[in-house]
Amino acid sequence: MRKGFYLILILLFPSIIFLIFSLGEHHVTKMGSYGSYQVQENGDTIYKPVPDLVLVDHDGNELSMEGLRGKPVLFDFYTFPCDEACRKKGVTLVNYLNDVAEKEKWMVLSVCVDSAVSQSDVKQLKNDHLPEMQSWKFVSAKNQKELEAFLQYAFVNTQRLESLSQIPSKDFMLIDQQGVIREYFDSRIHKENKKLQDAIKLLLKEPFMTWKEVKK
């Protein structure tokens, strides 16, 4: 009888430890940020959001970076016609994000790097991927120079790429609810799947979390 009790206690020990810590206050390491920033007098670092950019989605609706504030947004950039690399990135997004919950609280934007692409072509791309995933929109920019300034800030100024000639790149880019770039994800690496899912979930919880200091 006593041996059975000890065996049960040993088996339950990991669950007991998890329960004890889960009832306490959570402290997690904060995600990084990218882009231009200012250091305030109190020492806080404030990062600049991405430049404003007016987009038109596959249904003809206009979107802007200002209007998307309050939601994490994952960006995917593609060329048209959608070549093999473009299609693979689309399939990757479906596999990575279709099972992530609370889809109404975050968004995916697949942005054509050529603003001259037609709305009908953009709509066809949407229909070829995952039409029922309403948080995923295929879009084009209203102004090519505005798009290039956005890409310059997002990829060249952050030293992710050397020049705009390398766009579209292999990367997905995630911005937070304030429009600040928080992470890049390599679409070619399968292990980025969990990292991307966790990053979106973390940004949704971030306003309610306490960050721990990272020891240097």
N, C-alpha and C. Protein backbone atom coordinates (compact mmCIF):
# COMPACT_ATOMS: atom_id res chain seq x y z
N MET A 1 0.83 -1.21 0.00
CA MET A 1 0.00 0.00 0.00
C MET A 1 0.87 1.25 0.00
N ARG A 2 1.89 1.24 0.89
CA ARG A 2 2.76 2.41 0.99
C ARG A 2 3.56 2.59 -0.30
N LYS A 3 4.02 1.47 -0.90
CA LYS A 3 4.76 1.56 -2.15
C LYS A 3 3.89 2.16 -3.25
N GLY A 4 2.63 1.77 -3.26
CA GLY A 4 1.71 2.31 -4.26
C GLY A 4 1.51 3.80 -4.09
N PHE A 5 1.42 4.25 -2.82
CA PHE A 5 1.26 5.68 -2.54
C PHE A 5 2.46 6.48 -3.04
N TYR A 6 3.67 5.95 -2.75
CA TYR A 6 4.88 6.65 -3.17
C TYR A 6 5.00 6.67 -4.70
N LEU A 7 4.58 5.60 -5.34
CA LEU A 7 4.64 5.54 -6.79
C LEU A 7 3.72 6.60 -7.40
N ILE A 8 2.51 6.73 -6.86
CA ILE A 8 1.57 7.74 -7.35
C ILE A 8 2.13 9.14 -7.12
N LEU A 9 2.76 9.35 -5.95
CA LEU A 9 3.32 10.66 -5.63
C LEU A 9 4.44 11.02 -6.60
N ILE A 10 5.28 10.03 -6.93
CA ILE A 10 6.37 10.27 -7.87
C ILE A 10 5.82 10.62 -9.25
N LEU A 11 4.79 9.90 -9.67
CA LEU A 11 4.21 10.16 -10.99
C LEU A 11 3.54 11.52 -11.06
N LEU A 12 2.97 11.98 -9.95
CA LEU A 12 2.26 13.26 -9.93
C LEU A 12 3.17 14.44 -9.66
N PHE A 13 4.41 14.19 -9.24
CA PHE A 13 5.31 15.28 -8.83
C PHE A 13 5.47 16.37 -9.89
N PRO A 14 5.72 16.01 -11.18
CA PRO A 14 5.86 17.08 -12.19
C PRO A 14 4.62 17.95 -12.30
N SER A 15 3.43 17.32 -12.22
CA SER A 15 2.19 18.07 -12.32
C SER A 15 1.99 18.99 -11.13
N ILE A 16 2.39 18.52 -9.94
CA ILE A 16 2.27 19.35 -8.74
C ILE A 16 3.17 20.58 -8.84
N ILE A 17 4.42 20.37 -9.29
CA ILE A 17 5.34 21.49 -9.46
C ILE A 17 4.80 22.49 -10.47
N PHE A 18 4.27 21.99 -11.60
CA PHE A 18 3.70 22.88 -12.62
C PHE A 18 2.55 23.69 -12.05
N LEU A 19 1.69 23.05 -11.28
CA LEU A 19 0.54 23.73 -10.69
C LEU A 19 0.97 24.82 -9.73
N ILE A 20 1.99 24.53 -8.93
CA ILE A 20 2.48 25.53 -7.97
C ILE A 20 2.97 26.78 -8.68
N PHE A 21 3.77 26.57 -9.73
CA PHE A 21 4.33 27.72 -10.44
C PHE A 21 3.29 28.42 -11.30
N SER A 22 2.32 27.68 -11.81
CA SER A 22 1.31 28.30 -12.67
C SER A 22 0.37 29.18 -11.87
N LEU A 23 0.27 28.97 -10.56
CA LEU A 23 -0.60 29.80 -9.74
C LEU A 23 0.07 31.12 -9.37
N GLY A 24 1.38 31.18 -9.52
CA GLY A 24 2.11 32.39 -9.16
C GLY A 24 2.12 33.38 -10.30
N GLU A 25 2.87 34.46 -10.11
CA GLU A 25 2.97 35.49 -11.13
C GLU A 25 3.94 35.05 -12.21
N HIS A 26 3.55 35.24 -13.47
CA HIS A 26 4.39 34.83 -14.58
C HIS A 26 5.32 35.97 -14.97
N HIS A 27 6.58 35.65 -15.19
CA HIS A 27 7.55 36.61 -15.71
C HIS A 27 8.23 35.96 -16.91
N VAL A 28 8.14 36.59 -18.08
CA VAL A 28 8.73 36.01 -19.27
C VAL A 28 9.63 37.04 -19.93
N THR A 29 10.55 36.55 -20.77
CA THR A 29 11.48 37.44 -21.46
C THR A 29 10.77 38.13 -22.61
N LYS A 30 10.94 39.42 -22.71
CA LYS A 30 10.26 40.21 -23.73
C LYS A 30 10.88 39.98 -25.10
N MET A 31 10.03 40.01 -26.15
CA MET A 31 10.52 39.92 -27.52
C MET A 31 11.28 41.19 -27.87
N GLY A 32 12.19 41.06 -28.82
CA GLY A 32 12.96 42.21 -29.27
C GLY A 32 12.14 43.13 -30.17
N SER A 33 12.75 44.25 -30.57
CA SER A 33 12.13 45.20 -31.48
C SER A 33 13.16 45.61 -32.52
N TYR A 34 12.68 46.08 -33.68
CA TYR A 34 13.56 46.48 -34.77
C TYR A 34 13.12 47.84 -35.31
N GLY A 35 14.09 48.57 -35.86
CA GLY A 35 13.78 49.85 -36.48
C GLY A 35 14.40 51.02 -35.75
N SER A 36 14.02 52.22 -36.14
CA SER A 36 14.53 53.43 -35.51
C SER A 36 13.95 53.57 -34.10
N TYR A 37 14.71 54.19 -33.21
CA TYR A 37 14.24 54.32 -31.83
C TYR A 37 14.81 55.57 -31.18
N GLN A 38 14.18 55.96 -30.08
CA GLN A 38 14.66 57.06 -29.26
C GLN A 38 14.74 56.59 -27.82
N VAL A 39 15.78 57.05 -27.12
CA VAL A 39 15.93 56.73 -25.71
C VAL A 39 15.44 57.94 -24.91
N GLN A 40 14.42 57.72 -24.08
CA GLN A 40 13.84 58.80 -23.30
C GLN A 40 14.69 59.11 -22.07
N GLU A 41 14.36 60.20 -21.40
CA GLU A 41 15.13 60.62 -20.23
C GLU A 41 15.13 59.58 -19.12
N ASN A 42 14.03 58.84 -19.00
CA ASN A 42 13.96 57.81 -17.96
C ASN A 42 14.65 56.51 -18.36
N GLY A 43 15.26 56.50 -19.55
CA GLY A 43 15.98 55.33 -20.00
C GLY A 43 15.18 54.37 -20.86
N ASP A 44 13.87 54.59 -20.98
CA ASP A 44 13.04 53.71 -21.81
C ASP A 44 13.38 53.92 -23.30
N THR A 45 13.41 52.83 -24.03
CA THR A 45 13.65 52.89 -25.47
C THR A 45 12.32 52.78 -26.21
N ILE A 46 12.01 53.79 -26.99
CA ILE A 46 10.75 53.82 -27.75
C ILE A 46 11.06 53.62 -29.23
N TYR A 47 10.53 52.53 -29.78
CA TYR A 47 10.77 52.22 -31.19
C TYR A 47 9.71 52.87 -32.07
N LYS A 48 10.16 53.31 -33.24
CA LYS A 48 9.28 53.94 -34.21
C LYS A 48 8.47 52.88 -34.94
N PRO A 49 7.17 53.12 -35.14
CA PRO A 49 6.38 52.15 -35.92
C PRO A 49 6.76 52.21 -37.40
N VAL A 50 6.34 51.21 -38.14
CA VAL A 50 6.59 51.20 -39.59
C VAL A 50 5.90 52.40 -40.23
N PRO A 51 6.42 52.90 -41.35
CA PRO A 51 5.78 54.04 -42.04
C PRO A 51 4.36 53.69 -42.45
N ASP A 52 3.52 54.69 -42.54
CA ASP A 52 2.15 54.44 -42.96
C ASP A 52 2.13 53.99 -44.41
N LEU A 53 1.21 53.12 -44.72
CA LEU A 53 1.11 52.55 -46.06
C LEU A 53 -0.36 52.23 -46.32
N VAL A 54 -0.88 52.76 -47.41
CA VAL A 54 -2.28 52.50 -47.78
C VAL A 54 -2.32 51.31 -48.73
N LEU A 55 -3.10 50.32 -48.37
CA LEU A 55 -3.22 49.09 -49.13
C LEU A 55 -4.65 48.88 -49.58
N VAL A 56 -4.82 48.10 -50.65
CA VAL A 56 -6.16 47.73 -51.12
C VAL A 56 -6.23 46.21 -51.13
N ASP A 57 -7.23 45.66 -50.44
CA ASP A 57 -7.31 44.20 -50.35
C ASP A 57 -8.03 43.59 -51.54
N HIS A 58 -8.16 42.28 -51.53
CA HIS A 58 -8.74 41.54 -52.65
C HIS A 58 -10.21 41.87 -52.90
N ASP A 59 -10.87 42.50 -51.93
CA ASP A 59 -12.27 42.91 -52.10
C ASP A 59 -12.41 44.40 -52.40
N GLY A 60 -11.27 45.10 -52.56
CA GLY A 60 -11.31 46.51 -52.87
C GLY A 60 -11.36 47.43 -51.67
N ASN A 61 -11.23 46.88 -50.47
CA ASN A 61 -11.26 47.70 -49.26
C ASN A 61 -9.88 48.27 -48.96
N GLU A 62 -9.84 49.53 -48.52
CA GLU A 62 -8.57 50.17 -48.18
C GLU A 62 -8.17 49.87 -46.74
N LEU A 63 -6.88 49.64 -46.55
CA LEU A 63 -6.30 49.41 -45.23
C LEU A 63 -5.10 50.34 -45.07
N SER A 64 -4.83 50.73 -43.85
CA SER A 64 -3.63 51.52 -43.58
C SER A 64 -2.98 51.03 -42.31
N MET A 65 -1.72 51.34 -42.13
CA MET A 65 -1.03 50.92 -40.91
C MET A 65 -1.68 51.56 -39.68
N GLU A 66 -2.09 52.80 -39.81
CA GLU A 66 -2.77 53.48 -38.70
C GLU A 66 -4.06 52.75 -38.35
N GLY A 67 -4.79 52.33 -39.38
CA GLY A 67 -6.07 51.66 -39.15
C GLY A 67 -5.93 50.27 -38.58
N LEU A 68 -4.74 49.68 -38.72
CA LEU A 68 -4.52 48.32 -38.21
C LEU A 68 -3.97 48.30 -36.80
N ARG A 69 -3.75 49.47 -36.22
CA ARG A 69 -3.24 49.51 -34.85
C ARG A 69 -4.20 48.77 -33.92
N GLY A 70 -3.63 48.08 -32.96
CA GLY A 70 -4.44 47.30 -32.03
C GLY A 70 -4.41 45.81 -32.33
N LYS A 71 -3.84 45.44 -33.49
CA LYS A 71 -3.71 44.03 -33.86
C LYS A 71 -2.28 43.72 -34.25
N PRO A 72 -1.73 42.57 -33.82
CA PRO A 72 -0.48 42.11 -34.43
C PRO A 72 -0.75 41.78 -35.90
N VAL A 73 0.20 42.12 -36.77
CA VAL A 73 0.04 41.87 -38.20
C VAL A 73 1.29 41.17 -38.72
N LEU A 74 1.10 40.06 -39.40
CA LEU A 74 2.20 39.34 -40.03
C LEU A 74 2.21 39.68 -41.51
N PHE A 75 3.38 40.12 -42.02
CA PHE A 75 3.52 40.51 -43.41
C PHE A 75 4.27 39.44 -44.21
N ASP A 76 3.73 39.20 -45.40
CA ASP A 76 4.37 38.35 -46.40
C ASP A 76 4.42 39.17 -47.68
N PHE A 77 5.56 39.23 -48.34
CA PHE A 77 5.70 40.02 -49.57
C PHE A 77 5.96 39.07 -50.74
N TYR A 78 5.26 39.33 -51.86
CA TYR A 78 5.37 38.43 -53.00
C TYR A 78 5.39 39.22 -54.31
N THR A 79 5.84 38.56 -55.38
CA THR A 79 5.79 39.14 -56.72
C THR A 79 4.62 38.53 -57.48
N PHE A 80 4.22 39.20 -58.55
CA PHE A 80 3.18 38.64 -59.42
C PHE A 80 3.72 38.59 -60.85
N PRO A 81 3.51 37.48 -61.58
CA PRO A 81 2.79 36.29 -61.18
C PRO A 81 3.44 35.57 -59.99
N CYS A 82 2.60 34.85 -59.26
CA CYS A 82 3.06 34.14 -58.06
C CYS A 82 3.86 32.91 -58.51
N ASP A 83 5.20 32.98 -58.34
CA ASP A 83 6.06 31.89 -58.78
C ASP A 83 6.10 30.77 -57.74
N GLU A 84 7.00 29.82 -57.92
CA GLU A 84 7.08 28.67 -57.02
C GLU A 84 7.40 29.08 -55.59
N ALA A 85 8.36 30.03 -55.45
CA ALA A 85 8.72 30.50 -54.10
C ALA A 85 7.53 31.17 -53.43
N CYS A 86 6.77 31.93 -54.20
CA CYS A 86 5.57 32.60 -53.67
C CYS A 86 4.54 31.58 -53.21
N ARG A 87 4.31 30.56 -54.03
CA ARG A 87 3.33 29.53 -53.67
C ARG A 87 3.75 28.76 -52.43
N LYS A 88 5.06 28.47 -52.33
CA LYS A 88 5.55 27.75 -51.16
C LYS A 88 5.35 28.57 -49.89
N LYS A 89 5.58 29.87 -49.97
CA LYS A 89 5.37 30.72 -48.80
C LYS A 89 3.90 30.74 -48.41
N GLY A 90 3.01 30.72 -49.39
CA GLY A 90 1.58 30.69 -49.10
C GLY A 90 1.17 29.42 -48.39
N VAL A 91 1.67 28.29 -48.88
CA VAL A 91 1.39 26.99 -48.25
C VAL A 91 1.95 26.97 -46.83
N THR A 92 3.14 27.56 -46.66
CA THR A 92 3.76 27.63 -45.34
C THR A 92 2.87 28.39 -44.37
N LEU A 93 2.32 29.52 -44.80
CA LEU A 93 1.44 30.30 -43.93
C LEU A 93 0.20 29.52 -43.54
N VAL A 94 -0.37 28.80 -44.49
CA VAL A 94 -1.55 27.97 -44.18
C VAL A 94 -1.21 26.96 -43.10
N ASN A 95 -0.08 26.26 -43.30
CA ASN A 95 0.31 25.22 -42.34
C ASN A 95 0.66 25.79 -40.98
N TYR A 96 1.27 26.98 -40.96
CA TYR A 96 1.71 27.57 -39.72
C TYR A 96 0.56 28.14 -38.90
N LEU A 97 -0.39 28.77 -39.56
CA LEU A 97 -1.31 29.65 -38.85
C LEU A 97 -2.78 29.22 -38.82
N ASN A 98 -3.13 28.22 -39.59
CA ASN A 98 -4.54 27.86 -39.66
C ASN A 98 -5.09 27.39 -38.32
N ASP A 99 -4.24 26.84 -37.47
CA ASP A 99 -4.71 26.31 -36.18
C ASP A 99 -4.52 27.28 -35.02
N VAL A 100 -3.94 28.46 -35.28
CA VAL A 100 -3.76 29.44 -34.21
C VAL A 100 -5.11 30.08 -33.88
N ALA A 101 -5.44 30.11 -32.60
CA ALA A 101 -6.75 30.60 -32.17
C ALA A 101 -6.84 32.13 -32.21
N GLU A 102 -8.02 32.64 -31.88
CA GLU A 102 -8.30 34.08 -31.78
C GLU A 102 -7.93 34.83 -33.05
N LYS A 103 -8.35 34.27 -34.20
CA LYS A 103 -7.98 34.85 -35.49
C LYS A 103 -8.52 36.27 -35.68
N GLU A 104 -9.57 36.61 -34.96
CA GLU A 104 -10.11 37.97 -35.09
C GLU A 104 -9.22 39.01 -34.42
N LYS A 105 -8.22 38.58 -33.66
CA LYS A 105 -7.36 39.51 -32.93
C LYS A 105 -6.01 39.75 -33.59
N TRP A 106 -5.72 39.05 -34.69
CA TRP A 106 -4.48 39.25 -35.43
C TRP A 106 -4.76 39.10 -36.91
N MET A 107 -3.79 39.46 -37.74
CA MET A 107 -4.04 39.48 -39.18
C MET A 107 -2.78 39.11 -39.96
N VAL A 108 -2.99 38.53 -41.13
CA VAL A 108 -1.91 38.26 -42.07
C VAL A 108 -2.16 39.08 -43.33
N LEU A 109 -1.14 39.80 -43.79
CA LEU A 109 -1.23 40.56 -45.04
C LEU A 109 -0.18 40.06 -46.01
N SER A 110 -0.62 39.53 -47.14
CA SER A 110 0.29 39.18 -48.23
C SER A 110 0.28 40.34 -49.20
N VAL A 111 1.43 41.04 -49.29
CA VAL A 111 1.52 42.30 -50.04
C VAL A 111 2.31 42.08 -51.32
N CYS A 112 1.71 42.44 -52.46
CA CYS A 112 2.42 42.37 -53.73
C CYS A 112 3.42 43.53 -53.80
N VAL A 113 4.65 43.25 -54.20
CA VAL A 113 5.67 44.30 -54.25
C VAL A 113 5.54 45.17 -55.49
N ASP A 114 4.59 44.85 -56.37
CA ASP A 114 4.29 45.67 -57.54
C ASP A 114 2.88 46.22 -57.39
N SER A 115 2.78 47.51 -57.18
CA SER A 115 1.46 48.12 -56.92
C SER A 115 0.56 48.09 -58.15
N ALA A 116 1.11 47.76 -59.33
CA ALA A 116 0.32 47.74 -60.56
C ALA A 116 -0.49 46.45 -60.73
N VAL A 117 -0.33 45.49 -59.84
CA VAL A 117 -1.08 44.25 -59.95
C VAL A 117 -2.58 44.55 -59.87
N SER A 118 -3.38 43.84 -60.63
CA SER A 118 -4.83 44.10 -60.67
C SER A 118 -5.54 43.50 -59.47
N GLN A 119 -6.68 44.08 -59.14
CA GLN A 119 -7.46 43.57 -58.01
C GLN A 119 -7.95 42.15 -58.29
N SER A 120 -8.30 41.86 -59.55
CA SER A 120 -8.78 40.51 -59.88
C SER A 120 -7.68 39.46 -59.69
N ASP A 121 -6.44 39.84 -60.01
CA ASP A 121 -5.33 38.90 -59.80
C ASP A 121 -5.10 38.66 -58.31
N VAL A 122 -5.20 39.73 -57.54
CA VAL A 122 -5.03 39.61 -56.09
C VAL A 122 -6.13 38.73 -55.50
N LYS A 123 -7.34 38.92 -55.98
CA LYS A 123 -8.47 38.13 -55.48
C LYS A 123 -8.30 36.65 -55.82
N GLN A 124 -7.78 36.37 -57.02
CA GLN A 124 -7.57 34.98 -57.41
C GLN A 124 -6.55 34.31 -56.51
N LEU A 125 -5.50 35.06 -56.14
CA LEU A 125 -4.50 34.51 -55.22
C LEU A 125 -5.13 34.17 -53.88
N LYS A 126 -5.98 35.04 -53.40
CA LYS A 126 -6.67 34.78 -52.14
C LYS A 126 -7.49 33.48 -52.25
N ASN A 127 -8.21 33.33 -53.34
CA ASN A 127 -9.06 32.15 -53.50
C ASN A 127 -8.24 30.88 -53.68
N ASP A 128 -7.02 31.01 -54.18
CA ASP A 128 -6.17 29.85 -54.39
C ASP A 128 -5.55 29.35 -53.08
N HIS A 129 -5.59 30.16 -52.04
CA HIS A 129 -4.95 29.78 -50.79
C HIS A 129 -5.97 29.28 -49.76
N LEU A 130 -6.43 30.12 -48.87
CA LEU A 130 -7.34 29.64 -47.84
C LEU A 130 -8.45 30.67 -47.65
N PRO A 131 -9.47 30.65 -48.51
CA PRO A 131 -10.51 31.68 -48.47
C PRO A 131 -11.24 31.78 -47.13
N GLU A 132 -11.35 30.65 -46.40
CA GLU A 132 -12.11 30.68 -45.15
C GLU A 132 -11.33 31.31 -44.01
N MET A 133 -10.02 31.56 -44.21
CA MET A 133 -9.24 32.22 -43.16
C MET A 133 -9.39 33.73 -43.33
N GLN A 134 -10.40 34.29 -42.69
CA GLN A 134 -10.78 35.68 -42.91
C GLN A 134 -9.75 36.69 -42.42
N SER A 135 -8.85 36.26 -41.54
CA SER A 135 -7.83 37.17 -41.04
C SER A 135 -6.64 37.30 -41.98
N TRP A 136 -6.68 36.59 -43.11
CA TRP A 136 -5.60 36.63 -44.09
C TRP A 136 -6.08 37.37 -45.32
N LYS A 137 -5.42 38.50 -45.66
CA LYS A 137 -5.82 39.29 -46.82
C LYS A 137 -4.66 39.43 -47.80
N PHE A 138 -4.97 39.31 -49.08
CA PHE A 138 -4.01 39.59 -50.13
C PHE A 138 -4.24 41.04 -50.58
N VAL A 139 -3.17 41.81 -50.64
CA VAL A 139 -3.32 43.25 -50.87
C VAL A 139 -2.26 43.76 -51.84
N SER A 140 -2.53 44.97 -52.35
CA SER A 140 -1.55 45.71 -53.15
C SER A 140 -1.50 47.13 -52.60
N ALA A 141 -0.40 47.81 -52.87
CA ALA A 141 -0.24 49.18 -52.38
C ALA A 141 -0.86 50.17 -53.36
N LYS A 142 -1.40 51.27 -52.85
CA LYS A 142 -1.96 52.30 -53.72
C LYS A 142 -0.85 53.12 -54.36
N ASN A 143 0.29 53.23 -53.69
CA ASN A 143 1.36 54.08 -54.17
C ASN A 143 2.69 53.31 -54.08
N GLN A 144 3.37 53.17 -55.23
CA GLN A 144 4.60 52.38 -55.27
C GLN A 144 5.72 53.02 -54.45
N LYS A 145 5.84 54.34 -54.49
CA LYS A 145 6.89 55.01 -53.71
C LYS A 145 6.66 54.84 -52.21
N GLU A 146 5.40 54.89 -51.81
CA GLU A 146 5.05 54.68 -50.40
C GLU A 146 5.42 53.26 -49.98
N LEU A 147 5.16 52.29 -50.86
CA LEU A 147 5.50 50.90 -50.58
C LEU A 147 7.01 50.73 -50.46
N GLU A 148 7.75 51.37 -51.36
CA GLU A 148 9.21 51.24 -51.33
C GLU A 148 9.79 51.87 -50.06
N ALA A 149 9.20 52.97 -49.60
CA ALA A 149 9.66 53.57 -48.34
C ALA A 149 9.39 52.64 -47.16
N PHE A 150 8.25 51.97 -47.20
CA PHE A 150 7.89 50.99 -46.17
C PHE A 150 8.90 49.84 -46.16
N LEU A 151 9.20 49.30 -47.34
CA LEU A 151 10.14 48.18 -47.45
C LEU A 151 11.56 48.60 -47.08
N GLN A 152 11.93 49.81 -47.44
CA GLN A 152 13.25 50.33 -47.09
C GLN A 152 13.42 50.35 -45.58
N TYR A 153 12.40 50.85 -44.88
CA TYR A 153 12.46 50.90 -43.42
C TYR A 153 12.47 49.50 -42.82
N ALA A 154 11.60 48.63 -43.35
CA ALA A 154 11.38 47.31 -42.74
C ALA A 154 12.54 46.35 -42.97
N PHE A 155 13.22 46.45 -44.11
CA PHE A 155 14.22 45.45 -44.43
C PHE A 155 15.64 46.00 -44.59
N VAL A 156 15.78 47.17 -45.19
CA VAL A 156 17.12 47.70 -45.44
C VAL A 156 17.63 48.48 -44.23
N ASN A 157 16.80 49.37 -43.68
CA ASN A 157 17.23 50.15 -42.52
C ASN A 157 17.50 49.28 -41.31
N THR A 158 16.80 48.16 -41.21
CA THR A 158 17.03 47.22 -40.10
C THR A 158 18.15 46.23 -40.41
N GLN A 159 18.76 46.37 -41.60
CA GLN A 159 19.87 45.52 -42.05
C GLN A 159 19.48 44.06 -42.23
N ARG A 160 18.19 43.85 -42.44
CA ARG A 160 17.74 42.49 -42.76
C ARG A 160 18.16 42.12 -44.18
N LEU A 161 18.12 43.11 -45.08
CA LEU A 161 18.57 42.94 -46.45
C LEU A 161 19.52 44.08 -46.81
N GLU A 162 20.29 43.87 -47.85
CA GLU A 162 21.23 44.90 -48.27
C GLU A 162 20.58 45.96 -49.15
N SER A 163 19.58 45.55 -49.94
CA SER A 163 18.92 46.51 -50.84
C SER A 163 17.52 46.01 -51.18
N LEU A 164 16.72 46.91 -51.76
CA LEU A 164 15.36 46.56 -52.15
C LEU A 164 15.33 45.55 -53.28
N SER A 165 16.45 45.38 -53.99
CA SER A 165 16.50 44.41 -55.08
C SER A 165 16.35 42.98 -54.58
N GLN A 166 16.54 42.76 -53.29
CA GLN A 166 16.43 41.42 -52.70
C GLN A 166 15.02 41.09 -52.23
N ILE A 167 14.10 42.01 -52.46
CA ILE A 167 12.70 41.81 -52.07
C ILE A 167 11.93 41.31 -53.29
N PRO A 168 11.04 40.31 -53.13
CA PRO A 168 10.64 39.70 -51.85
C PRO A 168 11.70 38.74 -51.33
N SER A 169 11.83 38.72 -50.01
CA SER A 169 12.81 37.85 -49.37
C SER A 169 12.12 36.60 -48.85
N LYS A 170 12.90 35.77 -48.19
CA LYS A 170 12.37 34.53 -47.60
C LYS A 170 11.57 34.79 -46.33
N ASP A 171 11.65 36.04 -45.80
CA ASP A 171 11.15 36.32 -44.46
C ASP A 171 9.69 36.75 -44.40
N PHE A 172 9.04 36.31 -43.35
CA PHE A 172 7.80 36.92 -42.88
C PHE A 172 8.20 37.97 -41.83
N MET A 173 7.40 39.02 -41.68
CA MET A 173 7.71 40.07 -40.71
C MET A 173 6.49 40.31 -39.82
N LEU A 174 6.71 40.34 -38.52
CA LEU A 174 5.61 40.52 -37.56
C LEU A 174 5.73 41.87 -36.87
N ILE A 175 4.63 42.66 -36.91
CA ILE A 175 4.59 43.91 -36.16
C ILE A 175 3.56 43.77 -35.03
N ASP A 176 3.75 44.56 -33.98
CA ASP A 176 2.85 44.46 -32.82
C ASP A 176 1.69 45.43 -32.94
N GLN A 177 0.93 45.54 -31.85
CA GLN A 177 -0.28 46.36 -31.85
C GLN A 177 0.00 47.84 -32.03
N GLN A 178 1.24 48.26 -31.82
CA GLN A 178 1.61 49.67 -32.00
C GLN A 178 2.31 49.90 -33.34
N GLY A 179 2.42 48.86 -34.16
CA GLY A 179 3.04 49.00 -35.46
C GLY A 179 4.55 48.86 -35.45
N VAL A 180 5.13 48.41 -34.35
CA VAL A 180 6.58 48.24 -34.23
C VAL A 180 6.97 46.84 -34.71
N ILE A 181 8.05 46.75 -35.47
CA ILE A 181 8.55 45.45 -35.94
C ILE A 181 9.10 44.68 -34.75
N ARG A 182 8.64 43.45 -34.57
CA ARG A 182 9.06 42.66 -33.42
C ARG A 182 9.87 41.42 -33.78
N GLU A 183 9.66 40.87 -34.98
CA GLU A 183 10.41 39.66 -35.32
C GLU A 183 10.31 39.36 -36.81
N TYR A 184 11.30 38.62 -37.31
CA TYR A 184 11.31 38.09 -38.66
C TYR A 184 11.37 36.56 -38.58
N PHE A 185 10.76 35.90 -39.56
CA PHE A 185 10.71 34.43 -39.55
C PHE A 185 11.08 33.91 -40.92
N ASP A 186 11.99 32.96 -40.96
CA ASP A 186 12.45 32.38 -42.21
C ASP A 186 11.43 31.36 -42.70
N SER A 187 10.81 31.64 -43.84
CA SER A 187 9.75 30.78 -44.36
C SER A 187 10.27 29.42 -44.83
N ARG A 188 11.60 29.28 -44.96
CA ARG A 188 12.17 28.02 -45.46
C ARG A 188 12.45 27.02 -44.35
N ILE A 189 12.41 27.47 -43.10
CA ILE A 189 12.81 26.62 -41.98
C ILE A 189 11.58 26.14 -41.22
N HIS A 190 11.39 24.84 -41.16
CA HIS A 190 10.17 24.30 -40.56
C HIS A 190 10.06 24.63 -39.06
N LYS A 191 11.18 24.66 -38.35
CA LYS A 191 11.12 24.91 -36.91
C LYS A 191 10.66 26.33 -36.58
N GLU A 192 10.63 27.21 -37.59
CA GLU A 192 10.09 28.56 -37.38
C GLU A 192 8.58 28.53 -37.15
N ASN A 193 7.95 27.41 -37.50
CA ASN A 193 6.51 27.25 -37.32
C ASN A 193 6.09 27.58 -35.89
N LYS A 194 6.64 26.85 -34.93
CA LYS A 194 6.27 27.04 -33.53
C LYS A 194 6.67 28.43 -33.04
N LYS A 195 7.82 28.90 -33.49
CA LYS A 195 8.30 30.22 -33.10
C LYS A 195 7.32 31.31 -33.53
N LEU A 196 6.81 31.19 -34.75
CA LEU A 196 5.86 32.16 -35.28
C LEU A 196 4.54 32.11 -34.52
N GLN A 197 4.02 30.92 -34.32
CA GLN A 197 2.78 30.77 -33.56
C GLN A 197 2.91 31.36 -32.16
N ASP A 198 4.02 31.03 -31.49
CA ASP A 198 4.23 31.51 -30.12
C ASP A 198 4.36 33.03 -30.08
N ALA A 199 5.00 33.61 -31.11
CA ALA A 199 5.18 35.06 -31.14
C ALA A 199 3.85 35.78 -31.24
N ILE A 200 2.95 35.29 -32.07
CA ILE A 200 1.62 35.90 -32.20
C ILE A 200 0.86 35.79 -30.88
N LYS A 201 0.90 34.61 -30.28
CA LYS A 201 0.22 34.42 -29.00
C LYS A 201 0.80 35.33 -27.92
N LEU A 202 2.12 35.49 -27.94
CA LEU A 202 2.79 36.33 -26.95
C LEU A 202 2.39 37.79 -27.10
N LEU A 203 2.32 38.28 -28.34
CA LEU A 203 1.93 39.67 -28.55
C LEU A 203 0.49 39.93 -28.08
N LEU A 204 -0.37 38.93 -28.24
CA LEU A 204 -1.76 39.10 -27.77
C LEU A 204 -1.82 39.22 -26.25
N LYS A 205 -0.88 38.55 -25.57
CA LYS A 205 -0.86 38.57 -24.11
C LYS A 205 0.03 39.68 -23.55
N GLU A 206 0.87 40.25 -24.39
CA GLU A 206 1.91 41.16 -23.93
C GLU A 206 1.41 42.31 -23.07
N PRO A 207 0.29 42.96 -23.41
CA PRO A 207 -0.16 44.08 -22.57
C PRO A 207 -0.47 43.70 -21.12
N PHE A 208 -0.64 42.41 -20.86
CA PHE A 208 -1.04 41.96 -19.52
C PHE A 208 0.10 41.24 -18.79
N MET A 209 1.30 41.26 -19.37
CA MET A 209 2.38 40.47 -18.80
C MET A 209 3.41 41.33 -18.09
N THR A 210 4.13 40.72 -17.16
CA THR A 210 5.24 41.36 -16.46
C THR A 210 6.52 40.77 -17.00
N TRP A 211 7.42 41.63 -17.44
CA TRP A 211 8.66 41.15 -18.04
C TRP A 211 9.74 41.02 -16.99
N LYS A 212 10.56 40.01 -17.13
CA LYS A 212 11.71 39.86 -16.24
C LYS A 212 12.94 40.48 -16.89
N GLU A 213 13.85 40.92 -16.10
CA GLU A 213 15.09 41.49 -16.62
C GLU A 213 15.99 40.36 -17.11
N VAL A 214 16.61 40.58 -18.26
CA VAL A 214 17.52 39.59 -18.79
C VAL A 214 18.91 39.85 -18.23
N LYS A 215 19.50 38.86 -17.58
CA LYS A 215 20.84 39.03 -16.99
C LYS A 215 21.89 39.01 -18.09
N LYS A 216 22.81 39.95 -18.04
CA LYS A 216 23.85 40.04 -19.07
C LYS A 216 25.15 39.46 -18.52
